[in-house]
Amino acid sequence: MNKTTKLITVLIFALAMTACKKDVKPPVDDNINDNNNDTVVVDTTPVRTDGLICCNPEDLNNPASLLSKRVVYFDYDQATIRSEFREILSLHARYLQENPSARMTVEGHADERGSREYNLALGEKRGYAVANLLRAQGAAVGQIAVVSYGEERPVETCSNDSCWSKNRRGVIVYTAE
């Protein structure tokens, strides 16, 4: 099975899982008298059963939350999202889905190897790889913008594989929470 087929299979599975949302109905109390003027407040927030805790704007800055993780690293000369970052991106997609006014920019970066033009194109591919996965998992098209900085904004400036691996990245920047 080639990489494209595997990616499409994973995306279809992820989309199917997000589409299977169950509605939780509040419990009905038969002892409530309709003539009573007391107000009854019932929490109708859906209960999460998939293990992920989502999605309050406060979680974006909470170091204990996966939503505070906003960097996706890539292999050399690749724009394929590694499996270790899929849960993080799934949570960000859910946050965007549950907060329709939220907006983000995905910044694509590359290391210093290659021409400036090549690195800008590779950074753009990486940014779109992140954005497309977020959209496939339920984020709206208008919520995500992509920009490529190529090699222009390195995190590390030394010239070895350790530094280069930190510069091959996609960064999520929320512009509206």
N, C-alpha and C. Protein backbone atom coordinates (compact mmCIF):
# COMPACT_ATOMS: atom_id res chain seq x y z
N MET A 1 0.86 -1.17 0.00
CA MET A 1 0.00 0.00 0.00
C MET A 1 0.91 1.23 0.00
N ASN A 2 0.72 2.13 -0.94
CA ASN A 2 1.62 3.29 -1.00
C ASN A 2 1.21 4.35 0.02
N LYS A 3 2.08 5.34 0.15
CA LYS A 3 1.87 6.37 1.18
C LYS A 3 0.58 7.15 0.97
N THR A 4 0.25 7.46 -0.27
CA THR A 4 -0.97 8.22 -0.55
C THR A 4 -2.21 7.45 -0.12
N THR A 5 -2.23 6.17 -0.43
CA THR A 5 -3.38 5.34 -0.05
C THR A 5 -3.49 5.24 1.46
N LYS A 6 -2.36 5.09 2.14
CA LYS A 6 -2.39 5.04 3.61
C LYS A 6 -2.90 6.35 4.19
N LEU A 7 -2.42 7.47 3.66
CA LEU A 7 -2.85 8.78 4.16
C LEU A 7 -4.34 8.97 3.95
N ILE A 8 -4.83 8.62 2.78
CA ILE A 8 -6.26 8.78 2.48
C ILE A 8 -7.08 7.89 3.41
N THR A 9 -6.61 6.66 3.66
CA THR A 9 -7.31 5.76 4.56
C THR A 9 -7.37 6.33 5.98
N VAL A 10 -6.26 6.87 6.47
CA VAL A 10 -6.22 7.47 7.80
C VAL A 10 -7.13 8.68 7.88
N LEU A 11 -7.11 9.52 6.84
CA LEU A 11 -7.96 10.72 6.84
C LEU A 11 -9.44 10.35 6.82
N ILE A 12 -9.80 9.35 6.02
CA ILE A 12 -11.21 8.93 5.96
C ILE A 12 -11.64 8.37 7.31
N PHE A 13 -10.77 7.57 7.95
CA PHE A 13 -11.08 7.03 9.26
C PHE A 13 -11.25 8.15 10.29
N ALA A 14 -10.33 9.13 10.27
CA ALA A 14 -10.41 10.23 11.22
C ALA A 14 -11.68 11.05 10.99
N LEU A 15 -12.02 11.28 9.74
CA LEU A 15 -13.23 12.04 9.42
C LEU A 15 -14.47 11.28 9.88
N ALA A 16 -14.46 9.96 9.67
CA ALA A 16 -15.60 9.15 10.10
C ALA A 16 -15.75 9.18 11.61
N MET A 17 -14.62 9.17 12.33
CA MET A 17 -14.68 9.19 13.79
C MET A 17 -15.22 10.53 14.30
N THR A 18 -14.85 11.63 13.66
CA THR A 18 -15.35 12.92 14.12
C THR A 18 -16.80 13.12 13.72
N ALA A 19 -17.26 12.42 12.69
CA ALA A 19 -18.64 12.56 12.25
C ALA A 19 -19.60 11.77 13.13
N CYS A 20 -19.09 10.85 13.93
CA CYS A 20 -19.93 10.00 14.77
C CYS A 20 -20.16 10.63 16.13
N LYS A 21 -20.55 11.86 16.16
CA LYS A 21 -20.78 12.57 17.42
C LYS A 21 -22.13 12.15 17.99
N LYS A 22 -22.15 11.79 19.26
CA LYS A 22 -23.39 11.40 19.92
C LYS A 22 -23.97 12.60 20.66
N ASP A 23 -25.29 12.75 20.56
CA ASP A 23 -25.97 13.80 21.31
C ASP A 23 -26.31 13.25 22.68
N VAL A 24 -26.01 14.03 23.69
CA VAL A 24 -26.31 13.64 25.06
C VAL A 24 -27.50 14.47 25.52
N LYS A 25 -28.57 13.80 25.92
CA LYS A 25 -29.76 14.50 26.37
C LYS A 25 -29.74 14.60 27.88
N PRO A 26 -30.17 15.74 28.41
CA PRO A 26 -30.19 15.90 29.86
C PRO A 26 -31.23 14.97 30.48
N PRO A 27 -30.97 14.52 31.71
CA PRO A 27 -31.95 13.64 32.38
C PRO A 27 -33.24 14.40 32.68
N VAL A 28 -34.33 13.68 32.63
CA VAL A 28 -35.64 14.27 32.89
C VAL A 28 -36.03 13.93 34.32
N ASP A 29 -36.42 14.95 35.07
CA ASP A 29 -36.86 14.75 36.45
C ASP A 29 -38.37 14.82 36.48
N ASP A 30 -39.01 13.69 36.78
CA ASP A 30 -40.48 13.62 36.79
C ASP A 30 -41.07 14.34 38.00
N ASN A 31 -40.24 14.71 38.98
CA ASN A 31 -40.75 15.35 40.19
C ASN A 31 -40.87 16.86 40.05
N ILE A 32 -40.53 17.42 38.91
CA ILE A 32 -40.62 18.87 38.73
C ILE A 32 -42.08 19.22 38.45
N ASN A 33 -42.58 20.16 39.22
CA ASN A 33 -43.95 20.62 39.07
C ASN A 33 -43.98 21.73 38.03
N ASP A 34 -44.80 21.60 37.00
CA ASP A 34 -44.87 22.61 35.95
C ASP A 34 -45.38 23.95 36.47
N ASN A 35 -46.10 23.97 37.58
CA ASN A 35 -46.63 25.23 38.11
C ASN A 35 -45.59 25.93 38.98
N ASN A 36 -44.49 25.31 39.24
CA ASN A 36 -43.46 25.88 40.09
C ASN A 36 -42.67 26.91 39.29
N ASN A 37 -42.39 28.07 39.86
CA ASN A 37 -41.67 29.13 39.17
C ASN A 37 -40.16 29.02 39.33
N ASP A 38 -39.68 28.00 40.02
CA ASP A 38 -38.25 27.83 40.17
C ASP A 38 -37.61 27.49 38.83
N THR A 39 -36.45 28.06 38.59
CA THR A 39 -35.72 27.80 37.36
C THR A 39 -34.78 26.63 37.58
N VAL A 40 -34.83 25.69 36.67
CA VAL A 40 -33.96 24.53 36.73
C VAL A 40 -32.91 24.68 35.63
N VAL A 41 -31.64 24.66 36.01
CA VAL A 41 -30.56 24.77 35.05
C VAL A 41 -29.97 23.39 34.84
N VAL A 42 -29.95 22.96 33.58
CA VAL A 42 -29.41 21.65 33.26
C VAL A 42 -28.21 21.85 32.34
N ASP A 43 -27.10 21.24 32.68
CA ASP A 43 -25.90 21.31 31.84
C ASP A 43 -26.08 20.35 30.67
N THR A 44 -26.12 20.90 29.46
CA THR A 44 -26.30 20.08 28.27
C THR A 44 -25.01 19.92 27.48
N THR A 45 -23.88 20.19 28.13
CA THR A 45 -22.59 20.02 27.47
C THR A 45 -22.37 18.55 27.16
N PRO A 46 -22.02 18.23 25.90
CA PRO A 46 -21.78 16.82 25.57
C PRO A 46 -20.63 16.26 26.39
N VAL A 47 -20.80 15.02 26.82
CA VAL A 47 -19.77 14.35 27.60
C VAL A 47 -18.78 13.71 26.63
N ARG A 48 -17.50 13.99 26.84
CA ARG A 48 -16.45 13.44 25.98
C ARG A 48 -16.16 12.01 26.41
N THR A 49 -16.14 11.09 25.48
CA THR A 49 -15.84 9.70 25.80
C THR A 49 -14.59 9.20 25.11
N ASP A 50 -13.90 10.06 24.35
CA ASP A 50 -12.73 9.58 23.60
C ASP A 50 -11.42 9.83 24.33
N GLY A 51 -11.45 10.31 25.58
CA GLY A 51 -10.24 10.48 26.35
C GLY A 51 -9.59 11.85 26.20
N LEU A 52 -9.92 12.59 25.17
CA LEU A 52 -9.35 13.91 24.98
C LEU A 52 -10.18 14.94 25.70
N ILE A 53 -9.52 15.87 26.35
CA ILE A 53 -10.23 16.94 27.04
C ILE A 53 -10.19 18.15 26.13
N CYS A 54 -11.34 18.67 25.82
CA CYS A 54 -11.39 19.76 24.85
C CYS A 54 -12.53 20.68 25.20
N CYS A 55 -12.56 21.76 24.94
CA CYS A 55 -11.69 22.66 24.24
C CYS A 55 -12.02 24.07 24.71
N ASN A 56 -11.38 24.55 25.69
CA ASN A 56 -11.58 25.89 26.21
C ASN A 56 -10.43 26.77 25.77
N PRO A 57 -10.69 28.05 25.54
CA PRO A 57 -9.60 28.96 25.17
C PRO A 57 -8.48 29.00 26.21
N GLU A 58 -8.80 28.74 27.48
CA GLU A 58 -7.76 28.73 28.51
C GLU A 58 -6.75 27.62 28.27
N ASP A 59 -7.20 26.53 27.63
CA ASP A 59 -6.30 25.40 27.38
C ASP A 59 -5.19 25.74 26.40
N LEU A 60 -5.39 26.78 25.59
CA LEU A 60 -4.35 27.16 24.62
C LEU A 60 -3.06 27.59 25.31
N ASN A 61 -3.16 28.11 26.52
CA ASN A 61 -1.98 28.58 27.25
C ASN A 61 -1.66 27.74 28.48
N ASN A 62 -2.35 26.64 28.63
CA ASN A 62 -2.13 25.74 29.76
C ASN A 62 -1.08 24.70 29.36
N PRO A 63 0.11 24.73 29.95
CA PRO A 63 1.16 23.78 29.56
C PRO A 63 0.78 22.32 29.75
N ALA A 64 -0.21 22.04 30.58
CA ALA A 64 -0.65 20.66 30.80
C ALA A 64 -1.57 20.17 29.68
N SER A 65 -2.05 21.07 28.84
CA SER A 65 -2.98 20.72 27.78
C SER A 65 -2.22 20.47 26.47
N LEU A 66 -2.72 19.53 25.68
CA LEU A 66 -2.12 19.30 24.36
C LEU A 66 -2.35 20.49 23.43
N LEU A 67 -3.35 21.31 23.72
CA LEU A 67 -3.59 22.50 22.89
C LEU A 67 -2.45 23.51 22.98
N SER A 68 -1.65 23.43 24.03
CA SER A 68 -0.51 24.36 24.14
C SER A 68 0.65 23.92 23.25
N LYS A 69 0.60 22.69 22.75
CA LYS A 69 1.63 22.19 21.84
C LYS A 69 1.28 22.66 20.43
N ARG A 70 2.16 23.45 19.83
CA ARG A 70 1.80 24.06 18.55
C ARG A 70 2.85 23.89 17.46
N VAL A 71 3.83 23.03 17.68
CA VAL A 71 4.88 22.85 16.69
C VAL A 71 4.84 21.40 16.19
N VAL A 72 4.85 21.25 14.87
CA VAL A 72 4.89 19.94 14.22
C VAL A 72 6.21 19.86 13.49
N TYR A 73 7.00 18.84 13.79
CA TYR A 73 8.30 18.68 13.15
C TYR A 73 8.21 17.70 11.99
N PHE A 74 9.04 17.94 10.97
CA PHE A 74 9.04 17.14 9.76
C PHE A 74 10.41 16.50 9.54
N ASP A 75 10.41 15.40 8.79
CA ASP A 75 11.66 14.76 8.40
C ASP A 75 12.31 15.57 7.28
N TYR A 76 13.57 15.29 7.05
CA TYR A 76 14.34 15.99 6.02
C TYR A 76 13.66 15.87 4.66
N ASP A 77 13.46 17.01 4.01
CA ASP A 77 12.93 17.09 2.65
C ASP A 77 11.53 16.46 2.54
N GLN A 78 10.75 16.48 3.62
CA GLN A 78 9.42 15.88 3.64
C GLN A 78 8.37 16.88 4.11
N ALA A 79 7.14 16.65 3.67
CA ALA A 79 6.01 17.44 4.13
C ALA A 79 4.91 16.50 4.64
N THR A 80 5.30 15.32 5.10
CA THR A 80 4.36 14.34 5.62
C THR A 80 4.31 14.45 7.13
N ILE A 81 3.10 14.51 7.67
CA ILE A 81 2.94 14.65 9.12
C ILE A 81 3.22 13.32 9.79
N ARG A 82 4.10 13.34 10.75
CA ARG A 82 4.47 12.13 11.49
C ARG A 82 3.35 11.76 12.46
N SER A 83 3.23 10.49 12.73
CA SER A 83 2.13 9.98 13.57
C SER A 83 2.14 10.57 14.97
N GLU A 84 3.29 10.92 15.49
CA GLU A 84 3.37 11.45 16.86
C GLU A 84 2.66 12.80 17.01
N PHE A 85 2.37 13.48 15.90
CA PHE A 85 1.73 14.80 15.96
C PHE A 85 0.24 14.75 15.60
N ARG A 86 -0.27 13.60 15.24
CA ARG A 86 -1.66 13.51 14.80
C ARG A 86 -2.66 13.78 15.92
N GLU A 87 -2.38 13.31 17.13
CA GLU A 87 -3.30 13.56 18.26
C GLU A 87 -3.36 15.05 18.58
N ILE A 88 -2.22 15.70 18.55
CA ILE A 88 -2.18 17.14 18.81
C ILE A 88 -3.00 17.89 17.76
N LEU A 89 -2.80 17.54 16.50
CA LEU A 89 -3.53 18.22 15.42
C LEU A 89 -5.02 17.89 15.48
N SER A 90 -5.36 16.68 15.88
CA SER A 90 -6.76 16.32 16.03
C SER A 90 -7.43 17.19 17.09
N LEU A 91 -6.72 17.44 18.17
CA LEU A 91 -7.27 18.28 19.23
C LEU A 91 -7.41 19.74 18.77
N HIS A 92 -6.44 20.24 18.01
CA HIS A 92 -6.55 21.59 17.48
C HIS A 92 -7.72 21.69 16.49
N ALA A 93 -7.93 20.66 15.70
CA ALA A 93 -9.07 20.64 14.78
C ALA A 93 -10.39 20.67 15.55
N ARG A 94 -10.45 19.91 16.63
CA ARG A 94 -11.66 19.89 17.45
C ARG A 94 -11.89 21.26 18.09
N TYR A 95 -10.80 21.90 18.54
CA TYR A 95 -10.92 23.23 19.12
C TYR A 95 -11.51 24.20 18.08
N LEU A 96 -11.00 24.15 16.87
CA LEU A 96 -11.51 25.03 15.81
C LEU A 96 -12.97 24.72 15.52
N GLN A 97 -13.31 23.45 15.53
CA GLN A 97 -14.69 23.04 15.26
C GLN A 97 -15.64 23.53 16.35
N GLU A 98 -15.21 23.47 17.60
CA GLU A 98 -16.05 23.87 18.72
C GLU A 98 -16.03 25.38 18.96
N ASN A 99 -15.07 26.08 18.36
CA ASN A 99 -14.95 27.53 18.51
C ASN A 99 -14.89 28.16 17.12
N PRO A 100 -16.04 28.35 16.48
CA PRO A 100 -16.07 28.81 15.09
C PRO A 100 -15.44 30.19 14.87
N SER A 101 -15.31 30.99 15.91
CA SER A 101 -14.69 32.31 15.73
C SER A 101 -13.17 32.25 15.84
N ALA A 102 -12.62 31.10 16.20
CA ALA A 102 -11.17 30.94 16.32
C ALA A 102 -10.52 30.95 14.93
N ARG A 103 -9.35 31.55 14.85
CA ARG A 103 -8.58 31.62 13.61
C ARG A 103 -7.13 31.29 13.91
N MET A 104 -6.45 30.70 12.93
CA MET A 104 -5.03 30.39 13.11
C MET A 104 -4.29 30.59 11.80
N THR A 105 -2.99 30.80 11.95
CA THR A 105 -2.08 30.80 10.81
C THR A 105 -1.10 29.66 11.05
N VAL A 106 -0.89 28.85 10.02
CA VAL A 106 0.10 27.78 10.09
C VAL A 106 1.33 28.28 9.34
N GLU A 107 2.44 28.39 10.07
CA GLU A 107 3.70 28.86 9.48
C GLU A 107 4.54 27.65 9.10
N GLY A 108 4.94 27.58 7.84
CA GLY A 108 5.80 26.50 7.37
C GLY A 108 7.25 26.95 7.34
N HIS A 109 8.15 26.11 7.84
CA HIS A 109 9.57 26.44 7.92
C HIS A 109 10.40 25.30 7.34
N ALA A 110 11.62 25.65 6.94
CA ALA A 110 12.58 24.67 6.43
C ALA A 110 13.95 24.97 7.01
N ASP A 111 14.87 24.00 6.92
CA ASP A 111 16.22 24.28 7.37
C ASP A 111 17.00 25.00 6.27
N GLU A 112 18.25 25.31 6.53
CA GLU A 112 19.04 26.15 5.63
C GLU A 112 19.51 25.45 4.36
N ARG A 113 19.38 24.15 4.30
CA ARG A 113 19.84 23.42 3.12
C ARG A 113 18.85 23.62 1.98
N GLY A 114 19.35 23.77 0.78
CA GLY A 114 18.50 24.01 -0.39
C GLY A 114 18.45 25.49 -0.72
N SER A 115 17.95 25.81 -1.89
CA SER A 115 17.86 27.22 -2.31
C SER A 115 16.73 27.92 -1.56
N ARG A 116 16.76 29.22 -1.59
CA ARG A 116 15.73 30.02 -0.91
C ARG A 116 14.35 29.67 -1.47
N GLU A 117 14.25 29.59 -2.79
CA GLU A 117 12.97 29.29 -3.45
C GLU A 117 12.47 27.89 -3.07
N TYR A 118 13.39 26.93 -3.07
CA TYR A 118 13.02 25.56 -2.71
C TYR A 118 12.51 25.51 -1.28
N ASN A 119 13.19 26.19 -0.37
CA ASN A 119 12.79 26.17 1.03
C ASN A 119 11.47 26.89 1.26
N LEU A 120 11.20 27.94 0.51
CA LEU A 120 9.89 28.60 0.61
C LEU A 120 8.78 27.65 0.15
N ALA A 121 9.04 26.94 -0.94
CA ALA A 121 8.04 25.98 -1.45
C ALA A 121 7.85 24.83 -0.47
N LEU A 122 8.95 24.33 0.11
CA LEU A 122 8.85 23.24 1.07
C LEU A 122 8.13 23.69 2.34
N GLY A 123 8.41 24.91 2.81
CA GLY A 123 7.70 25.45 3.97
C GLY A 123 6.21 25.57 3.69
N GLU A 124 5.86 25.97 2.48
CA GLU A 124 4.45 26.08 2.10
C GLU A 124 3.79 24.69 2.09
N LYS A 125 4.48 23.70 1.54
CA LYS A 125 3.94 22.34 1.55
C LYS A 125 3.70 21.85 2.97
N ARG A 126 4.63 22.15 3.86
CA ARG A 126 4.48 21.72 5.25
C ARG A 126 3.31 22.43 5.91
N GLY A 127 3.16 23.72 5.66
CA GLY A 127 2.04 24.47 6.21
C GLY A 127 0.71 23.91 5.72
N TYR A 128 0.64 23.62 4.41
CA TYR A 128 -0.60 23.07 3.87
C TYR A 128 -0.85 21.64 4.34
N ALA A 129 0.20 20.88 4.62
CA ALA A 129 0.01 19.53 5.16
C ALA A 129 -0.70 19.61 6.50
N VAL A 130 -0.27 20.54 7.35
CA VAL A 130 -0.91 20.73 8.66
C VAL A 130 -2.35 21.23 8.46
N ALA A 131 -2.52 22.26 7.63
CA ALA A 131 -3.84 22.86 7.42
C ALA A 131 -4.82 21.85 6.83
N ASN A 132 -4.38 21.07 5.87
CA ASN A 132 -5.27 20.09 5.23
C ASN A 132 -5.69 19.00 6.20
N LEU A 133 -4.80 18.58 7.08
CA LEU A 133 -5.18 17.58 8.08
C LEU A 133 -6.20 18.18 9.06
N LEU A 134 -5.99 19.42 9.47
CA LEU A 134 -6.94 20.08 10.36
C LEU A 134 -8.31 20.20 9.70
N ARG A 135 -8.32 20.56 8.42
CA ARG A 135 -9.59 20.67 7.68
C ARG A 135 -10.26 19.31 7.52
N ALA A 136 -9.47 18.29 7.27
CA ALA A 136 -10.03 16.94 7.12
C ALA A 136 -10.66 16.45 8.41
N GLN A 137 -10.22 17.00 9.53
CA GLN A 137 -10.75 16.58 10.82
C GLN A 137 -11.81 17.54 11.35
N GLY A 138 -12.29 18.45 10.52
CA GLY A 138 -13.45 19.24 10.90
C GLY A 138 -13.28 20.74 11.00
N ALA A 139 -12.08 21.25 10.88
CA ALA A 139 -11.89 22.71 10.92
C ALA A 139 -12.42 23.32 9.62
N ALA A 140 -12.94 24.51 9.71
CA ALA A 140 -13.47 25.19 8.53
C ALA A 140 -12.34 25.81 7.72
N VAL A 141 -12.54 25.89 6.42
CA VAL A 141 -11.52 26.43 5.52
C VAL A 141 -11.13 27.85 5.92
N GLY A 142 -12.09 28.68 6.25
CA GLY A 142 -11.83 30.07 6.59
C GLY A 142 -11.13 30.29 7.92
N GLN A 143 -10.96 29.25 8.70
CA GLN A 143 -10.32 29.40 10.00
C GLN A 143 -8.80 29.29 9.92
N ILE A 144 -8.27 28.81 8.81
CA ILE A 144 -6.85 28.51 8.73
C ILE A 144 -6.21 29.24 7.55
N ALA A 145 -5.14 29.98 7.84
CA ALA A 145 -4.32 30.60 6.80
C ALA A 145 -2.94 29.94 6.84
N VAL A 146 -2.26 29.92 5.71
CA VAL A 146 -0.94 29.31 5.63
C VAL A 146 0.05 30.33 5.11
N VAL A 147 1.22 30.38 5.74
CA VAL A 147 2.31 31.24 5.28
C VAL A 147 3.61 30.44 5.37
N SER A 148 4.51 30.67 4.41
CA SER A 148 5.79 29.99 4.43
C SER A 148 6.90 30.99 4.68
N TYR A 149 7.78 30.64 5.61
CA TYR A 149 8.96 31.46 5.87
C TYR A 149 10.23 30.78 5.36
N GLY A 150 10.09 29.59 4.82
CA GLY A 150 11.26 28.88 4.31
C GLY A 150 12.33 28.77 5.38
N GLU A 151 13.54 29.18 5.04
CA GLU A 151 14.66 29.11 5.98
C GLU A 151 14.87 30.42 6.72
N GLU A 152 14.00 31.39 6.53
CA GLU A 152 14.21 32.76 7.00
C GLU A 152 14.06 32.96 8.50
N ARG A 153 13.37 32.10 9.20
CA ARG A 153 13.16 32.26 10.65
C ARG A 153 13.58 31.00 11.40
N PRO A 154 14.87 30.72 11.45
CA PRO A 154 15.30 29.50 12.14
C PRO A 154 15.17 29.63 13.66
N VAL A 155 14.91 28.50 14.30
CA VAL A 155 14.91 28.43 15.76
C VAL A 155 16.34 28.26 16.23
N GLU A 156 17.09 27.47 15.52
CA GLU A 156 18.51 27.20 15.81
C GLU A 156 19.34 27.67 14.62
N THR A 157 20.51 28.23 14.90
CA THR A 157 21.34 28.76 13.82
C THR A 157 22.60 27.96 13.56
N CYS A 158 22.86 26.91 14.30
CA CYS A 158 24.04 26.09 14.03
C CYS A 158 23.78 25.23 12.78
N SER A 159 24.82 24.66 12.23
CA SER A 159 24.70 23.90 10.99
C SER A 159 25.02 22.43 11.21
N ASN A 160 24.11 21.74 11.89
CA ASN A 160 24.23 20.29 12.05
C ASN A 160 22.82 19.71 12.11
N ASP A 161 22.73 18.39 12.09
CA ASP A 161 21.42 17.76 12.00
C ASP A 161 20.52 18.06 13.19
N SER A 162 21.11 18.21 14.37
CA SER A 162 20.32 18.54 15.55
C SER A 162 19.59 19.87 15.38
N CYS A 163 20.30 20.86 14.87
CA CYS A 163 19.69 22.18 14.64
C CYS A 163 18.71 22.14 13.46
N TRP A 164 19.13 21.49 12.39
CA TRP A 164 18.27 21.44 11.22
C TRP A 164 16.93 20.78 11.53
N SER A 165 16.94 19.74 12.38
CA SER A 165 15.69 19.05 12.70
C SER A 165 14.71 19.95 13.44
N LYS A 166 15.22 20.92 14.21
CA LYS A 166 14.34 21.85 14.92
C LYS A 166 13.80 22.94 14.00
N ASN A 167 14.46 23.15 12.87
CA ASN A 167 14.03 24.18 11.92
C ASN A 167 13.05 23.65 10.87
N ARG A 168 12.93 22.34 10.75
CA ARG A 168 11.98 21.73 9.81
C ARG A 168 10.65 21.56 10.55
N ARG A 169 9.79 22.57 10.44
CA ARG A 169 8.62 22.57 11.30
C ARG A 169 7.44 23.32 10.69
N GLY A 170 6.28 23.07 11.27
CA GLY A 170 5.07 23.84 11.04
C GLY A 170 4.65 24.37 12.39
N VAL A 171 4.33 25.65 12.47
CA VAL A 171 3.99 26.28 13.74
C VAL A 171 2.56 26.81 13.65
N ILE A 172 1.75 26.47 14.63
CA ILE A 172 0.38 26.97 14.72
C ILE A 172 0.38 28.24 15.55
N VAL A 173 -0.14 29.32 14.98
CA VAL A 173 -0.25 30.59 15.68
C VAL A 173 -1.72 31.00 15.65
N TYR A 174 -2.34 31.05 16.83
CA TYR A 174 -3.75 31.48 16.89
C TYR A 174 -3.82 32.99 16.76
N THR A 175 -4.61 33.46 15.82
CA THR A 175 -4.80 34.89 15.62
C THR A 175 -6.10 35.36 16.25
N ALA A 176 -6.99 34.46 16.53
CA ALA A 176 -8.23 34.75 17.26
C ALA A 176 -8.62 33.48 18.00
N GLU A 177 -8.92 33.60 19.28
CA GLU A 177 -9.24 32.44 20.08
C GLU A 177 -10.73 32.33 20.24
